[in-house]
Amino acid sequence: MPRYARWLERALRERGHQVTLVRPQPFFARLSRHPARIKYLGYLDKFLLFPPRLRRMSRDFDLVHVLDHSNSMYLKDVRNTPSVITCHDVLAIRSARGDFPNVSVGWSGRLLQRWILSGLRAARNVICVSEKTSVDLRALAENDGQRQRTIYNALNWDFRPGLALPADLAARVGVQTGERYILHVGNNNWYKNRVGLLRIFASLVKNPEYSDLRLILAGAPPSSEMEAVVAQEGLEERIVRAIRISNHELQALYCNAHALLFPSHEEGFGWPILEAQASGCPVITTGRPPMTEVAGEAAILIDSNDPVAAAATIADGLRRRDSLREAGFRNLARFDEQKIVDGYCAFYADVLESEKGKTGERTADRAREDDSAAARTPTAR
């Protein structure tokens, strides 16, 4: 979520708001170099040291916005200040509840997701990044009094068409200038469906019209399961691994791709769809929300569970690449940054207005708590 945080901080500052971005700082996590220990020591920084700091700071602000639903437990620490939380998705929560077959979550993960869900259920004001996320959250939250608003994500980098593929990037990843390729952007989370992606691509290149295509995997290195499928399908010479690339390099890959193939089973939003459209890259994605919600009418929609049928749909749809590109540019108007920032500011204003009376009550309660604490101090000594 760092890029979302940086984007919103910049956008609100440009509107004249005073914004302080605060996050847990490493203390215990610096005591070890072992990755597993760092992770668990980081929990001490996050859940032991950070909440008191957040409580103190929140008293000096009009509103606190928790930018990631996985930090919902912090809402109780700012209960005396109007607050908002952004819910990006509930996929981890649903996974921990057993909603997705073949997705296994350990006991500690299940415990953490129950804690996160408890915080979300108690949230008074929630921004969801898609209607799909909103629907999923309402089904889980069981809180009719919760104020929810869907505000889409905006592009958080200046993706645009027309960028040539840099020679050094082409040489580094192994792509020839002018070579046709399909691009995929993502990691190895189960819902990204990267194994399905490979099977769809393998079916597509059996079509003589697309037999010259290669597939660029931008993002995480392929998993061992993916590598097994690559070998099984005989795709070794067709797969390009673009690991640890910059936004500028990613934009160049979008601009020169024959299409983006984004066959996710689930998403909270699906940023690569917008990034591709902004770069003039035709989009192929799964025909289910939120992918359909984000792509609008500007995508080839496939059944990502049926590689053969998906490949046939893609082969037919790519014959209208130019119209897809133009539709993609038109679709971007729905995600205009200024309109989206307007939505944030309007929601903040609604929250502050609706909680005006409650804030006074909470302030009085806080004062009584402080008096009580002061009265108890001599006894404690």
Foldseek 3Di string as FASTA:
>chain_A
DVLLVVLLVVVVVVVVDDDDDDAFDDDQLVVDDDVVSSVVSVVCSHPPVPLVVCLVVLVPDQEEEAEELLSLLSCVSNVLHQYEYEYLALVLLCLLVVVDPPRDDDPVSNVSSVSSLVSLLPAQHYEAQFVVRVVVNCVRNVHPNHHYDYFHAFDSDQQAADDAQDPVQCVVQVHDHPQEEEEEEDEPDVQQVVLLVLLLVLLLLVPVVNVRYAYEYEEYDDDPVSVVSCVVSVRVVRYTYHYPDDPVNVSNCLNRYLAYEREGNDGSADVVLLSSLRHLHQYEYAPDPPVCVQLPPQHQHDHSVDSNRSSVSCVVVSVPSVVSSVSSVVSSVVNPPVVSSVVVVVSSVVSSVVCVVVSVVSVVVVVVVVVVVVVCVVVVD
